[in-house]
C-alpha atoms as a PDB file:
ATOM      1  CA  MET A   1       3.396 -28.800  -8.353  1.00  0.00           C
ATOM      2  CA  LYS A   2       3.133 -30.315  -4.773  1.00  0.00           C
ATOM      3  CA  HIS A   3       5.602 -27.660  -3.531  1.00  0.00           C
ATOM      4  CA  LEU A   4       3.645 -24.903  -5.088  1.00  0.00           C
ATOM      5  CA  LEU A   5       0.443 -25.967  -3.652  1.00  0.00           C
ATOM      6  CA  ALA A   6       1.952 -26.316  -0.160  1.00  0.00           C
ATOM      7  CA  ALA A   7       3.528 -22.831  -0.528  1.00  0.00           C
ATOM      8  CA  VAL A   8       0.052 -21.254  -1.461  1.00  0.00           C
ATOM      9  CA  LEU A   9      -1.721 -23.031   1.447  1.00  0.00           C
ATOM     10  CA  LEU A  10       1.126 -21.843   3.844  1.00  0.00           C
ATOM     11  CA  SER A  11       0.838 -18.315   2.740  1.00  0.00           C
ATOM     12  CA  ALA A  12      -3.039 -18.516   2.927  1.00  0.00           C
ATOM     13  CA  SER A  13      -2.747 -19.739   6.413  1.00  0.00           C
ATOM     14  CA  LEU A  14      -0.419 -16.779   7.355  1.00  0.00           C
ATOM     15  CA  ALA A  15      -2.932 -14.149   6.176  1.00  0.00           C
ATOM     16  CA  SER A  16      -3.672 -11.440   8.549  1.00  0.00           C
ATOM     17  CA  PRO A  17      -7.052 -11.647  10.409  1.00  0.00           C
ATOM     18  CA  ALA A  18      -8.232  -8.453   8.826  1.00  0.00           C
ATOM     19  CA  ILE A  19      -8.200 -10.235   5.542  1.00  0.00           C
ATOM     20  CA  ALA A  20      -9.859 -13.471   6.636  1.00  0.00           C
ATOM     21  CA  GLN A  21     -13.345 -13.748   5.424  1.00  0.00           C
ATOM     22  CA  ASP A  22     -14.966 -15.063   8.566  1.00  0.00           C
ATOM     23  CA  ALA A  23     -13.365 -12.198  10.744  1.00  0.00           C
ATOM     24  CA  PRO A  24     -16.096 -10.266  12.427  1.00  0.00           C
ATOM     25  CA  GLU A  25     -16.921  -6.886  11.119  1.00  0.00           C
ATOM     26  CA  THR A  26     -15.391  -4.480  13.570  1.00  0.00           C
ATOM     27  CA  GLU A  27     -15.601  -1.102  11.689  1.00  0.00           C
ATOM     28  CA  PRO A  28     -18.254   0.619   9.705  1.00  0.00           C
ATOM     29  CA  PRO A  29     -17.733   0.551   5.858  1.00  0.00           C
ATOM     30  CA  MET A  30     -15.322   2.889   4.420  1.00  0.00           C
ATOM     31  CA  THR A  31     -16.794   5.972   2.790  1.00  0.00           C
ATOM     32  CA  LEU A  32     -15.405   8.976   1.071  1.00  0.00           C
ATOM     33  CA  GLY A  33     -16.310  11.021   4.225  1.00  0.00           C
ATOM     34  CA  ARG A  34     -14.505   8.618   6.530  1.00  0.00           C
ATOM     35  CA  MET A  35     -11.467   8.215   4.117  1.00  0.00           C
ATOM     36  CA  GLY A  36     -11.200  12.124   4.037  1.00  0.00           C
ATOM     37  CA  GLU A  37     -11.030  12.275   7.858  1.00  0.00           C
ATOM     38  CA  ILE A  38      -8.585   9.624   8.087  1.00  0.00           C
ATOM     39  CA  ILE A  39      -6.390  11.448   5.261  1.00  0.00           C
ATOM     40  CA  ARG A  40      -6.834  14.812   7.121  1.00  0.00           C
ATOM     41  CA  GLY A  41      -5.442  13.075  10.330  1.00  0.00           C
ATOM     42  CA  LEU A  42      -2.378  12.030   8.376  1.00  0.00           C
ATOM     43  CA  ASP A  43      -1.861  15.328   6.584  1.00  0.00           C
ATOM     44  CA  GLU A  44      -3.659  18.388   7.588  1.00  0.00           C
ATOM     45  CA  ASN A  45      -2.745  19.986   4.329  1.00  0.00           C
ATOM     46  CA  SER A  46      -4.302  17.229   2.188  1.00  0.00           C
ATOM     47  CA  GLN A  47      -6.555  18.307  -0.528  1.00  0.00           C
ATOM     48  CA  ASN A  48      -9.919  16.824  -1.815  1.00  0.00           C
ATOM     49  CA  ALA A  49     -11.484  17.057  -5.244  1.00  0.00           C
ATOM     50  CA  GLY A  50     -14.657  15.160  -5.471  1.00  0.00           C
ATOM     51  CA  THR A  51     -13.605  11.330  -5.429  1.00  0.00           C
ATOM     52  CA  ARG A  52      -9.835  12.326  -5.497  1.00  0.00           C
ATOM     53  CA  PHE A  53      -7.551  12.962  -2.645  1.00  0.00           C
ATOM     54  CA  MET A  54      -3.932  14.373  -2.473  1.00  0.00           C
ATOM     55  CA  LEU A  55      -1.707  14.198   0.456  1.00  0.00           C
ATOM     56  CA  THR A  56       2.091  14.039   1.310  1.00  0.00           C
ATOM     57  CA  ILE A  57       3.475  11.324   3.486  1.00  0.00           C
ATOM     58  CA  ALA A  58       7.312  11.483   4.366  1.00  0.00           C
ATOM     59  CA  ASP A  59       7.754  14.265   1.616  1.00  0.00           C
ATOM     60  CA  VAL A  60       6.252  11.866  -1.046  1.00  0.00           C
ATOM     61  CA  PRO A  61       3.178  12.967  -2.794  1.00  0.00           C
ATOM     62  CA  VAL A  62       0.171  10.510  -2.768  1.00  0.00           C
ATOM     63  CA  VAL A  63      -2.847  10.556  -5.056  1.00  0.00           C
ATOM     64  CA  ILE A  64      -5.898   8.676  -4.068  1.00  0.00           C
ATOM     65  CA  VAL A  65      -8.681   8.104  -6.525  1.00  0.00           C
ATOM     66  CA  THR A  66     -11.849   6.355  -5.577  1.00  0.00           C
ATOM     67  CA  ASP A  67     -15.141   5.129  -7.511  1.00  0.00           C
ATOM     68  CA  PRO A  68     -17.851   4.618  -4.776  1.00  0.00           C
ATOM     69  CA  VAL A  69     -20.228   3.251  -7.420  1.00  0.00           C
ATOM     70  CA  ALA A  70     -17.664   0.394  -8.296  1.00  0.00           C
ATOM     71  CA  ASP A  71     -16.637   0.258  -4.653  1.00  0.00           C
ATOM     72  CA  ARG A  72     -13.022   0.624  -5.514  1.00  0.00           C
ATOM     73  CA  MET A  73      -9.985   2.721  -4.521  1.00  0.00           C
ATOM     74  CA  ARG A  74      -6.484   3.279  -5.619  1.00  0.00           C
ATOM     75  CA  ALA A  75      -3.491   5.017  -3.826  1.00  0.00           C
ATOM     76  CA  MET A  76      -0.741   5.988  -6.286  1.00  0.00           C
ATOM     77  CA  VAL A  77       2.698   7.434  -6.109  1.00  0.00           C
ATOM     78  CA  PRO A  78       4.469   8.125  -9.305  1.00  0.00           C
ATOM     79  CA  ILE A  79       8.094   6.940  -9.367  1.00  0.00           C
ATOM     80  CA  ARG A  80       9.612   7.420 -12.908  1.00  0.00           C
ATOM     81  CA  SER A  81       9.206   7.314 -16.642  1.00  0.00           C
ATOM     82  CA  THR A  82       9.311   3.807 -17.900  1.00  0.00           C
ATOM     83  CA  GLU A  83      11.491   4.955 -20.759  1.00  0.00           C
ATOM     84  CA  GLY A  84      14.863   3.024 -20.579  1.00  0.00           C
ATOM     85  CA  MET A  85      13.848   0.565 -18.036  1.00  0.00           C
ATOM     86  CA  GLU A  86      15.843  -2.619 -18.454  1.00  0.00           C
ATOM     87  CA  PRO A  87      14.414  -6.120 -18.544  1.00  0.00           C
ATOM     88  CA  GLU A  88      16.408  -6.918 -15.481  1.00  0.00           C
ATOM     89  CA  GLU A  89      14.905  -4.029 -13.598  1.00  0.00           C
ATOM     90  CA  ILE A  90      11.345  -5.061 -14.703  1.00  0.00           C
ATOM     91  CA  LEU A  91      12.075  -8.750 -13.563  1.00  0.00           C
ATOM     92  CA  ARG A  92      13.120  -7.234 -10.206  1.00  0.00           C
ATOM     93  CA  LEU A  93       9.889  -5.177  -9.799  1.00  0.00           C
ATOM     94  CA  LEU A  94       7.846  -8.319 -10.437  1.00  0.00           C
ATOM     95  CA  GLN A  95       9.868 -10.308  -7.783  1.00  0.00           C
ATOM     96  CA  ALA A  96       9.207  -7.520  -5.360  1.00  0.00           C
ATOM     97  CA  ASN A  97       5.590  -7.724  -6.135  1.00  0.00           C
ATOM     98  CA  PHE A  98       5.747 -11.421  -5.059  1.00  0.00           C
ATOM     99  CA  ASP A  99       7.636 -11.005  -1.797  1.00  0.00           C
ATOM    100  CA  THR A 100       8.685  -7.640  -0.492  1.00  0.00           C
ATOM    101  CA  ALA A 101       6.138  -5.047  -1.785  1.00  0.00           C
ATOM    102  CA  LEU A 102       3.615  -6.686   0.318  1.00  0.00           C
ATOM    103  CA  ASP A 103       0.011  -5.059  -0.014  1.00  0.00           C
ATOM    104  CA  ALA A 104       1.524  -2.302  -2.312  1.00  0.00           C
ATOM    105  CA  ARG A 105       2.507  -3.068  -5.980  1.00  0.00           C
ATOM    106  CA  TYR A 106       4.640  -1.753  -8.643  1.00  0.00           C
ATOM    107  CA  ALA A 107       2.698  -0.934 -11.744  1.00  0.00           C
ATOM    108  CA  VAL A 108       3.036   0.541 -15.139  1.00  0.00           C
ATOM    109  CA  ALA A 109       0.471   2.992 -16.669  1.00  0.00           C
ATOM    110  CA  GLN A 110       0.617   5.872 -19.189  1.00  0.00           C
ATOM    111  CA  GLY A 111       4.407   5.483 -19.701  1.00  0.00           C
ATOM    112  CA  ARG A 112       5.101   5.707 -15.978  1.00  0.00           C
ATOM    113  CA  LEU A 113       6.142   3.263 -13.143  1.00  0.00           C
ATOM    114  CA  TRP A 114       3.883   3.693 -10.037  1.00  0.00           C
ATOM    115  CA  ALA A 115       3.593   2.424  -6.528  1.00  0.00           C
ATOM    116  CA  VAL A 116       0.080   1.580  -6.021  1.00  0.00           C
ATOM    117  CA  PHE A 117      -2.327   0.012  -3.580  1.00  0.00           C
ATOM    118  CA  ILE A 118      -5.793  -1.098  -5.010  1.00  0.00           C
ATOM    119  CA  HIS A 119      -8.510  -2.447  -2.922  1.00  0.00           C
ATOM    120  CA  PRO A 120     -12.324  -2.515  -2.521  1.00  0.00           C
ATOM    121  CA  LEU A 121     -13.498   0.630  -0.854  1.00  0.00           C
ATOM    122  CA  SER A 122     -16.251  -0.345   1.542  1.00  0.00           C
ATOM    123  CA  PRO A 123     -14.336  -3.124   3.281  1.00  0.00           C
ATOM    124  CA  LEU A 124     -11.378  -1.182   3.750  1.00  0.00           C
ATOM    125  CA  GLU A 125     -10.543  -0.760   7.414  1.00  0.00           C
ATOM    126  CA  LYS A 126      -8.676   2.332   8.866  1.00  0.00           C
ATOM    127  CA  ASP A 127      -5.434   0.571  10.088  1.00  0.00           C
ATOM    128  CA  GLN A 128      -5.336  -1.375   6.728  1.00  0.00           C
ATOM    129  CA  PHE A 129      -5.682   1.635   4.770  1.00  0.00           C
ATOM    130  CA  ILE A 130      -3.002   3.678   6.781  1.00  0.00           C
ATOM    131  CA  SER A 131      -0.644   0.651   6.604  1.00  0.00           C
ATOM    132  CA  ALA A 132      -1.285   0.467   2.735  1.00  0.00           C
ATOM    133  CA  LEU A 133      -0.511   3.995   2.380  1.00  0.00           C
ATOM    134  CA  GLY A 134       2.927   3.519   4.425  1.00  0.00           C
ATOM    135  CA  GLN A 135       3.710   0.509   2.248  1.00  0.00           C
ATOM    136  CA  THR A 136       2.938   2.361  -1.165  1.00  0.00           C
ATOM    137  CA  VAL A 137       5.161   5.301   0.106  1.00  0.00           C
ATOM    138  CA  ASN A 138       7.738   2.676   1.153  1.00  0.00           C
ATOM    139  CA  ILE A 139       8.033   0.833  -2.322  1.00  0.00           C
ATOM    140  CA  ALA A 140       8.412   4.328  -3.985  1.00  0.00           C
ATOM    141  CA  ARG A 141      11.149   5.354  -1.701  1.00  0.00           C
ATOM    142  CA  THR A 142      12.908   2.069  -1.883  1.00  0.00           C
ATOM    143  CA  TYR A 143      12.678   1.709  -5.603  1.00  0.00           C
ATOM    144  CA  GLY A 144      16.234   0.801  -6.895  1.00  0.00           C
ATOM    145  CA  THR A 145      17.343  -0.468  -3.623  1.00  0.00           C
ATOM    146  CA  LEU A 146      15.123  -2.704  -1.272  1.00  0.00           C
ATOM    147  CA  TYR A 147      12.045  -2.715  -3.216  1.00  0.00           C
ATOM    148  CA  SER A 148      10.192  -3.087   0.010  1.00  0.00           C
ATOM    149  CA  GLY A 149       6.688  -2.184   1.586  1.00  0.00           C
ATOM    150  CA  GLY A 150       8.631  -2.171   4.818  1.00  0.00           C
ATOM    151  CA  ALA A 151       5.861  -4.136   7.021  1.00  0.00           C
ATOM    152  CA  LEU A 152       7.907  -7.571   6.846  1.00  0.00           C
ATOM    153  CA  SER A 153      11.297  -8.438   5.838  1.00  0.00           C
ATOM    154  CA  TYR A 154      12.785 -11.936   5.284  1.00  0.00           C
ATOM    155  CA  GLY A 155      16.237 -11.296   6.622  1.00  0.00           C
ATOM    156  CA  ALA A 156      18.055 -10.368   9.564  1.00  0.00           C
ATOM    157  CA  GLY A 157      19.321  -6.878   8.404  1.00  0.00           C
ATOM    158  CA  ASP A 158      18.529  -3.440   9.454  1.00  0.00           C
ATOM    159  CA  SER A 159      16.004  -2.530   6.904  1.00  0.00           C
ATOM    160  CA  GLN A 160      12.919  -3.990   8.632  1.00  0.00           C
ATOM    161  CA  GLY A 161      13.134  -1.368  11.550  1.00  0.00           C
ATOM    162  CA  ILE A 162      13.829   1.546   9.270  1.00  0.00           C
ATOM    163  CA  LEU A 163      11.075   0.856   6.912  1.00  0.00           C
ATOM    164  CA  ARG A 164       8.556  -0.320   9.408  1.00  0.00           C
ATOM    165  CA  GLY A 165       9.081   3.007  11.249  1.00  0.00           C
ATOM    166  CA  LEU A 166       6.950   5.004   8.665  1.00  0.00           C
ATOM    167  CA  ILE A 167       4.092   2.497   8.981  1.00  0.00           C
ATOM    168  CA  GLU A 168       4.170   2.802  12.745  1.00  0.00           C
ATOM    169  CA  ASP A 169       4.231   6.619  12.810  1.00  0.00           C
ATOM    170  CA  LEU A 170       1.261   6.716  10.502  1.00  0.00           C
ATOM    171  CA  LEU A 171      -0.679   4.019  12.480  1.00  0.00           C
ATOM    172  CA  LYS A 172      -0.022   6.086  15.544  1.00  0.00           C
ATOM    173  CA  LYS A 173      -1.317   9.256  13.909  1.00  0.00           C
ATOM    174  CA  GLY A 174      -4.254   7.037  12.953  1.00  0.00           C
ATOM    175  CA  GLU A 175      -5.024   6.288  16.538  1.00  0.00           C
ATOM    176  CA  GLU A 176      -6.460   9.707  17.136  1.00  0.00           C
ATOM    177  CA  ILE A 177      -8.949   9.391  14.419  1.00  0.00           C
END
């Protein structure tokens, strides 16, 4: 138990400043209009239908649903049907949710496996949102292999640079917004 508490405290101390509760507010609250501008900056062919957005990142379709009244948003990428998933695969997804999926997560709904990012809408910052979209796409793309959001890796392999590239490209596009 002592080791678990130490691990939790260590991971909390490594949290990014954007997530820290005492960090000064540097951006206006995220709104549907602002989110739409960011999405159009990432994909000029994106579509908006009320509180939903559809865009493509690295040839991967992404759906974003929002609920401004509940102050929530969810970015989603469908991966596959859950039919035929083996217990070992489900265990691997849960392991990835703990260490390599980062801010994105694997989730199951309506008989489908999804890559998702779920967050309160108004405190969501532009770079955090863009990074989260990249991580969501990355865990969908690396399903069955690395199961990684791509922002961090815990090894000395080549994967870090390859996966981080998508997030860096998106953040660069976001600088113009």
